[in-house]
Amino acid sequence: MFLGINMTLVALFCAWGLVREVRKKNFFAVGFAAISLAVFGWFGVMTLISGAPVAH
């Protein structure tokens, strides 16, 4: 659960950075933030849906 929440938090920071860089018209950073948002958002949501790995 902790891993999924952290990845979702990172995805929210990526979304914030994406909006900020769109306003600045820095398209290299927009691309990097969009890819990061997609990756961390996907893994965050899928980790929360499937359940985080449990250490034994």
PDB file of N, CA and C in Angstrom:
ATOM      1  N   MET A   1       0.816  -1.184   0.000  1.00  0.00           N
ATOM      2  CA  MET A   1       0.000   0.000   0.000  1.00  0.00           C
ATOM      3  C   MET A   1       0.867   1.258   0.000  1.00  0.00           C
ATOM      4  N   PHE A   2       1.962   1.227   0.766  1.00  0.00           N
ATOM      5  CA  PHE A   2       2.864   2.378   0.842  1.00  0.00           C
ATOM      6  C   PHE A   2       3.476   2.681  -0.522  1.00  0.00           C
ATOM      7  N   LEU A   3       3.847   1.643  -1.262  1.00  0.00           N
ATOM      8  CA  LEU A   3       4.440   1.816  -2.585  1.00  0.00           C
ATOM      9  C   LEU A   3       3.450   2.453  -3.550  1.00  0.00           C
ATOM     10  N   GLY A   4       2.221   2.005  -3.547  1.00  0.00           N
ATOM     11  CA  GLY A   4       1.201   2.561  -4.432  1.00  0.00           C
ATOM     12  C   GLY A   4       0.892   4.013  -4.127  1.00  0.00           C
ATOM     13  N   ILE A   5       0.851   4.350  -2.852  1.00  0.00           N
ATOM     14  CA  ILE A   5       0.590   5.742  -2.460  1.00  0.00           C
ATOM     15  C   ILE A   5       1.750   6.636  -2.870  1.00  0.00           C
ATOM     16  N   ASN A   6       2.985   6.171  -2.666  1.00  0.00           N
ATOM     17  CA  ASN A   6       4.150   6.959  -3.061  1.00  0.00           C
ATOM     18  C   ASN A   6       4.205   7.170  -4.569  1.00  0.00           C
ATOM     19  N   MET A   7       3.918   6.148  -5.345  1.00  0.00           N
ATOM     20  CA  MET A   7       3.934   6.303  -6.802  1.00  0.00           C
ATOM     21  C   MET A   7       2.843   7.255  -7.263  1.00  0.00           C
ATOM     22  N   THR A   8       1.689   7.203  -6.629  1.00  0.00           N
ATOM     23  CA  THR A   8       0.614   8.130  -6.967  1.00  0.00           C
ATOM     24  C   THR A   8       0.989   9.553  -6.591  1.00  0.00           C
ATOM     25  N   LEU A   9       1.672   9.728  -5.485  1.00  0.00           N
ATOM     26  CA  LEU A   9       2.146  11.054  -5.081  1.00  0.00           C
ATOM     27  C   LEU A   9       3.161  11.594  -6.087  1.00  0.00           C
ATOM     28  N   VAL A  10       4.057  10.751  -6.555  1.00  0.00           N
ATOM     29  CA  VAL A  10       5.028  11.165  -7.574  1.00  0.00           C
ATOM     30  C   VAL A  10       4.303  11.528  -8.865  1.00  0.00           C
ATOM     31  N   ALA A  11       3.264  10.784  -9.214  1.00  0.00           N
ATOM     32  CA  ALA A  11       2.483  11.093 -10.414  1.00  0.00           C
ATOM     33  C   ALA A  11       1.796  12.450 -10.281  1.00  0.00           C
ATOM     34  N   LEU A  12       1.336  12.789  -9.087  1.00  0.00           N
ATOM     35  CA  LEU A  12       0.728  14.108  -8.877  1.00  0.00           C
ATOM     36  C   LEU A  12       1.754  15.215  -9.040  1.00  0.00           C
ATOM     37  N   PHE A  13       2.967  14.994  -8.552  1.00  0.00           N
ATOM     38  CA  PHE A  13       4.040  15.975  -8.761  1.00  0.00           C
ATOM     39  C   PHE A  13       4.383  16.101 -10.246  1.00  0.00           C
ATOM     40  N   CYS A  14       4.344  15.000 -10.976  1.00  0.00           N
ATOM     41  CA  CYS A  14       4.590  15.044 -12.424  1.00  0.00           C
ATOM     42  C   CYS A  14       3.505  15.844 -13.131  1.00  0.00           C
ATOM     43  N   ALA A  15       2.260  15.691 -12.693  1.00  0.00           N
ATOM     44  CA  ALA A  15       1.164  16.459 -13.292  1.00  0.00           C
ATOM     45  C   ALA A  15       1.344  17.941 -13.016  1.00  0.00           C
ATOM     46  N   TRP A  16       1.764  18.279 -11.821  1.00  0.00           N
ATOM     47  CA  TRP A  16       2.020  19.672 -11.471  1.00  0.00           C
ATOM     48  C   TRP A  16       3.144  20.244 -12.335  1.00  0.00           C
ATOM     49  N   GLY A  17       4.206  19.475 -12.503  1.00  0.00           N
ATOM     50  CA  GLY A  17       5.314  19.899 -13.350  1.00  0.00           C
ATOM     51  C   GLY A  17       4.902  20.024 -14.808  1.00  0.00           C
ATOM     52  N   LEU A  18       4.036  19.136 -15.262  1.00  0.00           N
ATOM     53  CA  LEU A  18       3.549  19.188 -16.635  1.00  0.00           C
ATOM     54  C   LEU A  18       2.797  20.483 -16.894  1.00  0.00           C
ATOM     55  N   VAL A  19       1.901  20.834 -15.989  1.00  0.00           N
ATOM     56  CA  VAL A  19       1.125  22.072 -16.142  1.00  0.00           C
ATOM     57  C   VAL A  19       2.048  23.284 -16.089  1.00  0.00           C
ATOM     58  N   ARG A  20       2.994  23.272 -15.179  1.00  0.00           N
ATOM     59  CA  ARG A  20       3.915  24.403 -15.036  1.00  0.00           C
ATOM     60  C   ARG A  20       4.756  24.594 -16.291  1.00  0.00           C
ATOM     61  N   GLU A  21       5.236  23.504 -16.860  1.00  0.00           N
ATOM     62  CA  GLU A  21       6.092  23.612 -18.041  1.00  0.00           C
ATOM     63  C   GLU A  21       5.304  23.925 -19.304  1.00  0.00           C
ATOM     64  N   VAL A  22       4.041  23.536 -19.364  1.00  0.00           N
ATOM     65  CA  VAL A  22       3.202  23.945 -20.492  1.00  0.00           C
ATOM     66  C   VAL A  22       3.041  25.459 -20.478  1.00  0.00           C
ATOM     67  N   ARG A  23       2.858  26.024 -19.299  1.00  0.00           N
ATOM     68  CA  ARG A  23       2.736  27.481 -19.182  1.00  0.00           C
ATOM     69  C   ARG A  23       4.016  28.197 -19.604  1.00  0.00           C
ATOM     70  N   LYS A  24       5.171  27.584 -19.324  1.00  0.00           N
ATOM     71  CA  LYS A  24       6.463  28.179 -19.699  1.00  0.00           C
ATOM     72  C   LYS A  24       6.835  27.888 -21.157  1.00  0.00           C
ATOM     73  N   LYS A  25       6.101  26.986 -21.802  1.00  0.00           N
ATOM     74  CA  LYS A  25       6.345  26.552 -23.179  1.00  0.00           C
ATOM     75  C   LYS A  25       7.712  25.879 -23.331  1.00  0.00           C
ATOM     76  N   ASN A  26       8.079  25.093 -22.345  1.00  0.00           N
ATOM     77  CA  ASN A  26       9.310  24.309 -22.376  1.00  0.00           C
ATOM     78  C   ASN A  26       8.913  22.886 -22.783  1.00  0.00           C
ATOM     79  N   PHE A  27       8.949  22.620 -24.085  1.00  0.00           N
ATOM     80  CA  PHE A  27       8.361  21.393 -24.601  1.00  0.00           C
ATOM     81  C   PHE A  27       9.197  20.143 -24.327  1.00  0.00           C
ATOM     82  N   PHE A  28      10.491  20.285 -24.147  1.00  0.00           N
ATOM     83  CA  PHE A  28      11.299  19.133 -23.749  1.00  0.00           C
ATOM     84  C   PHE A  28      10.866  18.661 -22.363  1.00  0.00           C
ATOM     85  N   ALA A  29      10.688  19.605 -21.444  1.00  0.00           N
ATOM     86  CA  ALA A  29      10.249  19.255 -20.091  1.00  0.00           C
ATOM     87  C   ALA A  29       8.804  18.754 -20.087  1.00  0.00           C
ATOM     88  N   VAL A  30       7.985  19.280 -20.995  1.00  0.00           N
ATOM     89  CA  VAL A  30       6.604  18.792 -21.105  1.00  0.00           C
ATOM     90  C   VAL A  30       6.601  17.321 -21.494  1.00  0.00           C
ATOM     91  N   GLY A  31       7.429  16.955 -22.461  1.00  0.00           N
ATOM     92  CA  GLY A  31       7.510  15.558 -22.874  1.00  0.00           C
ATOM     93  C   GLY A  31       8.008  14.652 -21.760  1.00  0.00           C
ATOM     94  N   PHE A  32       9.043  15.106 -21.061  1.00  0.00           N
ATOM     95  CA  PHE A  32       9.589  14.311 -19.962  1.00  0.00           C
ATOM     96  C   PHE A  32       8.562  14.154 -18.837  1.00  0.00           C
ATOM     97  N   ALA A  33       7.860  15.233 -18.506  1.00  0.00           N
ATOM     98  CA  ALA A  33       6.846  15.170 -17.444  1.00  0.00           C
ATOM     99  C   ALA A  33       5.668  14.304 -17.858  1.00  0.00           C
ATOM    100  N   ALA A  34       5.288  14.364 -19.131  1.00  0.00           N
ATOM    101  CA  ALA A  34       4.163  13.545 -19.601  1.00  0.00           C
ATOM    102  C   ALA A  34       4.502  12.056 -19.551  1.00  0.00           C
ATOM    103  N   ILE A  35       5.710  11.706 -19.966  1.00  0.00           N
ATOM    104  CA  ILE A  35       6.125  10.298 -19.913  1.00  0.00           C
ATOM    105  C   ILE A  35       6.221   9.832 -18.464  1.00  0.00           C
ATOM    106  N   SER A  36       6.780  10.676 -17.604  1.00  0.00           N
ATOM    107  CA  SER A  36       6.888  10.324 -16.177  1.00  0.00           C
ATOM    108  C   SER A  36       5.513  10.169 -15.550  1.00  0.00           C
ATOM    109  N   LEU A  37       4.601  11.062 -15.906  1.00  0.00           N
ATOM    110  CA  LEU A  37       3.231  10.977 -15.384  1.00  0.00           C
ATOM    111  C   LEU A  37       2.568   9.678 -15.826  1.00  0.00           C
ATOM    112  N   ALA A  38       2.747   9.324 -17.086  1.00  0.00           N
ATOM    113  CA  ALA A  38       2.142   8.089 -17.592  1.00  0.00           C
ATOM    114  C   ALA A  38       2.704   6.858 -16.877  1.00  0.00           C
ATOM    115  N   VAL A  39       4.018   6.809 -16.708  1.00  0.00           N
ATOM    116  CA  VAL A  39       4.650   5.639 -16.088  1.00  0.00           C
ATOM    117  C   VAL A  39       4.289   5.535 -14.609  1.00  0.00           C
ATOM    118  N   PHE A  40       4.521   6.615 -13.858  1.00  0.00           N
ATOM    119  CA  PHE A  40       4.246   6.552 -12.422  1.00  0.00           C
ATOM    120  C   PHE A  40       2.752   6.454 -12.134  1.00  0.00           C
ATOM    121  N   GLY A  41       1.932   7.111 -12.947  1.00  0.00           N
ATOM    122  CA  GLY A  41       0.488   6.996 -12.770  1.00  0.00           C
ATOM    123  C   GLY A  41      -0.003   5.583 -13.003  1.00  0.00           C
ATOM    124  N   TRP A  42       0.496   4.966 -14.071  1.00  0.00           N
ATOM    125  CA  TRP A  42       0.096   3.590 -14.378  1.00  0.00           C
ATOM    126  C   TRP A  42       0.515   2.635 -13.261  1.00  0.00           C
ATOM    127  N   PHE A  43       1.771   2.687 -12.862  1.00  0.00           N
ATOM    128  CA  PHE A  43       2.232   1.770 -11.818  1.00  0.00           C
ATOM    129  C   PHE A  43       1.569   2.063 -10.473  1.00  0.00           C
ATOM    130  N   GLY A  44       1.309   3.333 -10.185  1.00  0.00           N
ATOM    131  CA  GLY A  44       0.630   3.671  -8.935  1.00  0.00           C
ATOM    132  C   GLY A  44      -0.777   3.120  -8.873  1.00  0.00           C
ATOM    133  N   VAL A  45      -1.534   3.327  -9.938  1.00  0.00           N
ATOM    134  CA  VAL A  45      -2.918   2.831  -9.970  1.00  0.00           C
ATOM    135  C   VAL A  45      -2.947   1.307  -9.971  1.00  0.00           C
ATOM    136  N   MET A  46      -2.102   0.681 -10.762  1.00  0.00           N
ATOM    137  CA  MET A  46      -2.104  -0.789 -10.826  1.00  0.00           C
ATOM    138  C   MET A  46      -1.639  -1.416  -9.501  1.00  0.00           C
ATOM    139  N   THR A  47      -0.721  -0.744  -8.799  1.00  0.00           N
ATOM    140  CA  THR A  47      -0.285  -1.263  -7.510  1.00  0.00           C
ATOM    141  C   THR A  47      -1.413  -1.155  -6.487  1.00  0.00           C
ATOM    142  N   LEU A  48      -2.148  -0.052  -6.531  1.00  0.00           N
ATOM    143  CA  LEU A  48      -3.266   0.092  -5.593  1.00  0.00           C
ATOM    144  C   LEU A  48      -4.390  -0.891  -5.914  1.00  0.00           C
ATOM    145  N   ILE A  49      -4.621  -1.167  -7.188  1.00  0.00           N
ATOM    146  CA  ILE A  49      -5.691  -2.104  -7.562  1.00  0.00           C
ATOM    147  C   ILE A  49      -5.317  -3.536  -7.193  1.00  0.00           C
ATOM    148  N   SER A  50      -4.085  -3.945  -7.538  1.00  0.00           N
ATOM    149  CA  SER A  50      -3.709  -5.340  -7.324  1.00  0.00           C
ATOM    150  C   SER A  50      -3.256  -5.626  -5.895  1.00  0.00           C
ATOM    151  N   GLY A  51      -2.910  -4.608  -5.151  1.00  0.00           N
ATOM    152  CA  GLY A  51      -2.398  -4.795  -3.802  1.00  0.00           C
ATOM    153  C   GLY A  51      -0.880  -4.783  -3.822  1.00  0.00           C
ATOM    154  N   ALA A  52      -0.301  -4.043  -2.919  1.00  0.00           N
ATOM    155  CA  ALA A  52       1.155  -3.910  -2.878  1.00  0.00           C
ATOM    156  C   ALA A  52       1.787  -5.227  -2.453  1.00  0.00           C
ATOM    157  N   PRO A  53       3.015  -5.481  -2.907  1.00  0.00           N
ATOM    158  CA  PRO A  53       3.693  -6.701  -2.467  1.00  0.00           C
ATOM    159  C   PRO A  53       3.938  -6.662  -0.953  1.00  0.00           C
ATOM    160  N   VAL A  54       3.740  -7.778  -0.313  1.00  0.00           N
ATOM    161  CA  VAL A  54       3.869  -7.862   1.133  1.00  0.00           C
ATOM    162  C   VAL A  54       5.180  -8.563   1.471  1.00  0.00           C
ATOM    163  N   ALA A  55       6.004  -7.935   2.304  1.00  0.00           N
ATOM    164  CA  ALA A  55       7.252  -8.566   2.733  1.00  0.00           C
ATOM    165  C   ALA A  55       6.935  -9.623   3.788  1.00  0.00           C
ATOM    166  N   HIS A  56       7.555 -10.762   3.648  1.00  0.00           N
ATOM    167  CA  HIS A  56       7.318 -11.848   4.612  1.00  0.00           C
ATOM    168  C   HIS A  56       8.506 -12.035   5.498  1.00  0.00           C
TER     169      HIS A  56
END
